[in-house]
Amino acid sequence: MMKVATDNDLVIKLIYEFLNDQGIVVIEKEIHEHSFLPGLKIEAGCLIIDKQRLLYPGDILHEAGHIAVCPKNERAMLSDNVVNNRPGTEGEELAAMLWSYAACTYMNINPEIVFHEDGYKGQSEWLLSNYAQKTYIGLPLLVWMGLTSDNSGGNGFPKMIKWLRD
C-alpha cells in the first residue's frame, strides 16, 4: 500500500506539481489585503499563495478546484470570492469540493487535509463520511462538465477524464 502524504511541505509540493501539470497557475507572493481564505487569493484566474499566512495547505486544492470547474472562457476573469462574484454559479462550490477530493485521491493525499475541521461550515466530517461511502453530492455537475463519468461502470469518479473544464 502506498504511503499517504500528510507532511505540510510535502503536501504543498505535491499540490504545486499537480496544479502546474494541469495548467493552473500558482504564484507565491505576499497578500496584504483581506482574502476569503487566509494566505490564498484567486486573481485573474491565477492562484496567489502567501505561504506565511496560509493556515491549511488543503485550501489550495479547494480554491484550485474553483478555477478548474470554471468554463475556460471565464477563467481569466476569476478573482476574490468566486462564488459571490459570479451569480448563478453556486453549484460550482459542490463541483470544486468533488474536484479537490478527486485530486486528493489521485495524488494520494489524505482528504482530511482539504476537508479539515475548520472548513466547510462545520460539515467536513459529514462530507468525508459521504465520500467514503461513495455518496458524491454534486457528481452530476462534474459529469455534465465533462470532467468525469458517473460510477455506473466502476471506472467513474473519483477518476477524472480531464482536470480542467472546457
Protein backbone atom coordinates (compact mmCIF):
# COMPACT_ATOMS: atom_id res chain seq x y z
CA MET A 1 0.00 0.00 0.00
CA MET A 2 1.21 3.47 -0.92
CA LYS A 3 2.07 5.93 1.87
CA VAL A 4 -0.42 8.81 2.15
CA ALA A 5 1.23 12.22 2.18
CA THR A 6 0.48 14.29 5.29
CA ASP A 7 3.57 16.45 5.93
CA ASN A 8 2.63 20.07 5.08
CA ASP A 9 5.72 20.87 2.99
CA LEU A 10 5.41 17.61 1.06
CA VAL A 11 1.69 18.16 0.57
CA ILE A 12 2.26 21.69 -0.75
CA LYS A 13 4.99 20.43 -3.10
CA LEU A 14 2.71 17.68 -4.44
CA ILE A 15 -0.15 20.14 -4.90
CA TYR A 16 2.05 22.66 -6.71
CA GLU A 17 3.37 19.98 -9.08
CA PHE A 18 -0.13 18.67 -9.75
CA LEU A 19 -1.57 22.14 -10.42
CA ASN A 20 1.34 23.02 -12.68
CA ASP A 21 0.76 19.79 -14.65
CA GLN A 22 -2.91 20.76 -15.08
CA GLY A 23 -2.13 24.29 -16.25
CA ILE A 24 -3.36 26.11 -13.14
CA VAL A 25 -1.01 29.00 -12.47
CA VAL A 26 0.27 29.28 -8.89
CA ILE A 27 2.08 32.44 -7.80
CA GLU A 28 3.71 32.78 -4.40
CA LYS A 29 3.66 36.32 -3.06
CA GLU A 30 2.57 38.27 -0.02
CA ILE A 31 -1.11 39.03 0.27
CA HIS A 32 -1.53 42.29 2.16
CA GLU A 33 -5.27 42.75 1.82
CA HIS A 34 -8.03 40.60 3.32
CA SER A 35 -8.69 37.41 1.39
CA PHE A 36 -11.56 34.94 1.57
CA LEU A 37 -9.21 32.24 2.94
CA PRO A 38 -6.04 33.15 4.87
CA GLY A 39 -2.99 33.07 2.60
CA LEU A 40 -4.97 32.38 -0.57
CA LYS A 41 -6.47 34.50 -3.27
CA ILE A 42 -7.69 33.97 -6.81
CA GLU A 43 -6.63 36.82 -9.06
CA ALA A 44 -7.27 36.92 -12.81
CA GLY A 45 -7.68 33.14 -12.88
CA CYS A 46 -4.39 32.50 -11.05
CA LEU A 47 -3.95 31.12 -7.57
CA ILE A 48 -2.00 33.51 -5.33
CA ILE A 49 -0.47 31.91 -2.25
CA ASP A 50 1.11 33.62 0.73
CA LYS A 51 2.77 30.69 2.49
CA GLN A 52 3.41 32.80 5.61
CA ARG A 53 -0.34 33.39 6.08
CA LEU A 54 -1.62 30.06 4.73
CA LEU A 55 -3.36 28.15 7.52
CA TYR A 56 -4.38 24.97 5.71
CA PRO A 57 -2.47 23.59 2.70
CA GLY A 58 -5.59 21.71 1.62
CA ASP A 59 -7.34 25.02 0.98
CA ILE A 60 -5.01 25.40 -2.03
CA LEU A 61 -6.69 22.43 -3.70
CA HIS A 62 -10.18 23.66 -2.97
CA GLU A 63 -9.51 27.09 -4.45
CA ALA A 64 -7.79 25.46 -7.44
CA GLY A 65 -10.98 23.44 -7.85
CA HIS A 66 -12.90 26.66 -8.39
CA ILE A 67 -10.52 27.60 -11.18
CA ALA A 68 -10.72 24.11 -12.71
CA VAL A 69 -14.52 23.89 -12.83
CA CYS A 70 -14.99 27.37 -14.25
CA PRO A 71 -15.54 27.48 -18.02
CA LYS A 72 -12.28 28.12 -19.86
CA ASN A 73 -13.53 31.38 -21.42
CA GLU A 74 -14.35 32.79 -17.94
CA ARG A 75 -11.28 31.57 -16.01
CA ALA A 76 -9.13 34.67 -16.55
CA MET A 77 -11.90 36.81 -15.04
CA LEU A 78 -11.96 34.91 -11.73
CA SER A 79 -10.96 36.95 -8.71
CA ASP A 80 -11.54 37.03 -4.96
CA ASN A 81 -14.61 35.13 -3.72
CA VAL A 82 -15.57 33.42 -6.96
CA VAL A 83 -18.92 32.14 -5.70
CA ASN A 84 -20.14 35.58 -4.62
CA ASN A 85 -18.66 37.34 -7.65
CA ARG A 86 -20.31 35.04 -10.21
CA PRO A 87 -24.07 34.87 -9.58
CA GLY A 88 -25.77 31.75 -10.89
CA THR A 89 -22.72 29.54 -10.39
CA GLU A 90 -23.37 28.41 -6.82
CA GLY A 91 -23.29 24.76 -7.90
CA GLU A 92 -19.62 25.17 -8.70
CA GLU A 93 -18.94 25.01 -4.95
CA LEU A 94 -20.07 21.36 -4.93
CA ALA A 95 -18.07 20.70 -8.09
CA ALA A 96 -14.94 22.30 -6.56
CA MET A 97 -15.30 20.12 -3.46
CA LEU A 98 -15.58 16.95 -5.53
CA TRP A 99 -12.73 18.08 -7.79
CA SER A 100 -10.47 18.60 -4.78
CA TYR A 101 -11.49 15.20 -3.37
CA ALA A 102 -10.62 13.56 -6.71
CA ALA A 103 -7.29 15.40 -6.71
CA CYS A 104 -6.54 14.08 -3.21
CA THR A 105 -7.33 10.57 -4.39
CA TYR A 106 -5.16 11.00 -7.49
CA MET A 107 -2.19 12.37 -5.51
CA ASN A 108 -2.69 10.01 -2.58
CA ILE A 109 -3.15 12.90 -0.15
CA ASN A 110 -5.35 12.33 2.88
CA PRO A 111 -8.65 14.12 2.08
CA GLU A 112 -8.80 15.35 5.68
CA ILE A 113 -6.09 17.82 4.67
CA VAL A 114 -8.59 19.52 2.36
CA PHE A 115 -11.71 18.80 4.38
CA HIS A 116 -10.26 19.96 7.70
CA GLU A 117 -12.38 20.62 10.77
CA ASP A 118 -12.20 24.41 10.42
CA GLY A 119 -13.65 24.40 6.91
CA TYR A 120 -16.91 23.76 5.13
CA LYS A 121 -19.08 25.42 7.79
CA GLY A 122 -18.52 22.56 10.21
CA GLN A 123 -19.60 19.91 7.70
CA SER A 124 -16.19 18.39 6.88
CA GLU A 125 -16.77 15.17 8.79
CA TRP A 126 -20.16 14.73 7.13
CA LEU A 127 -18.68 15.34 3.66
CA LEU A 128 -15.83 12.89 4.26
CA SER A 129 -18.28 10.29 5.53
CA ASN A 130 -20.39 10.67 2.38
CA TYR A 131 -17.34 10.46 0.12
CA ALA A 132 -16.10 7.34 1.96
CA GLN A 133 -19.49 5.75 1.25
CA LYS A 134 -19.22 6.81 -2.41
CA THR A 135 -22.08 9.28 -1.98
CA TYR A 136 -20.83 12.14 -4.12
CA ILE A 137 -23.19 15.06 -3.71
CA GLY A 138 -22.99 17.16 -6.86
CA LEU A 139 -21.44 14.46 -9.06
CA PRO A 140 -23.89 15.12 -11.92
CA LEU A 141 -22.30 18.58 -12.23
CA LEU A 142 -18.82 17.15 -12.82
CA VAL A 143 -20.26 14.65 -15.29
CA TRP A 144 -22.16 17.44 -17.10
CA MET A 145 -18.93 19.48 -17.21
CA GLY A 146 -17.22 16.54 -18.94
CA LEU A 147 -14.63 16.12 -16.19
CA THR A 148 -15.59 12.61 -15.06
CA SER A 149 -18.15 9.90 -15.61
CA ASP A 150 -20.71 8.51 -13.22
CA ASN A 151 -19.92 5.40 -11.24
CA SER A 152 -22.11 3.01 -13.23
CA GLY A 153 -19.19 1.04 -14.66
CA GLY A 154 -16.84 1.19 -11.68
CA ASN A 155 -14.42 3.41 -13.63
CA GLY A 156 -16.06 6.70 -12.79
CA PHE A 157 -15.48 9.24 -10.10
CA PRO A 158 -13.11 9.86 -8.34
CA LYS A 159 -11.19 9.08 -11.53
CA MET A 160 -11.22 12.08 -13.80
CA ILE A 161 -11.40 12.21 -17.57
CA LYS A 162 -9.73 15.61 -17.50
CA TRP A 163 -8.96 18.18 -14.82
CA LEU A 164 -10.00 21.46 -16.46
CA ARG A 165 -13.39 22.34 -17.83
CA ASP A 166 -13.57 23.41 -21.48
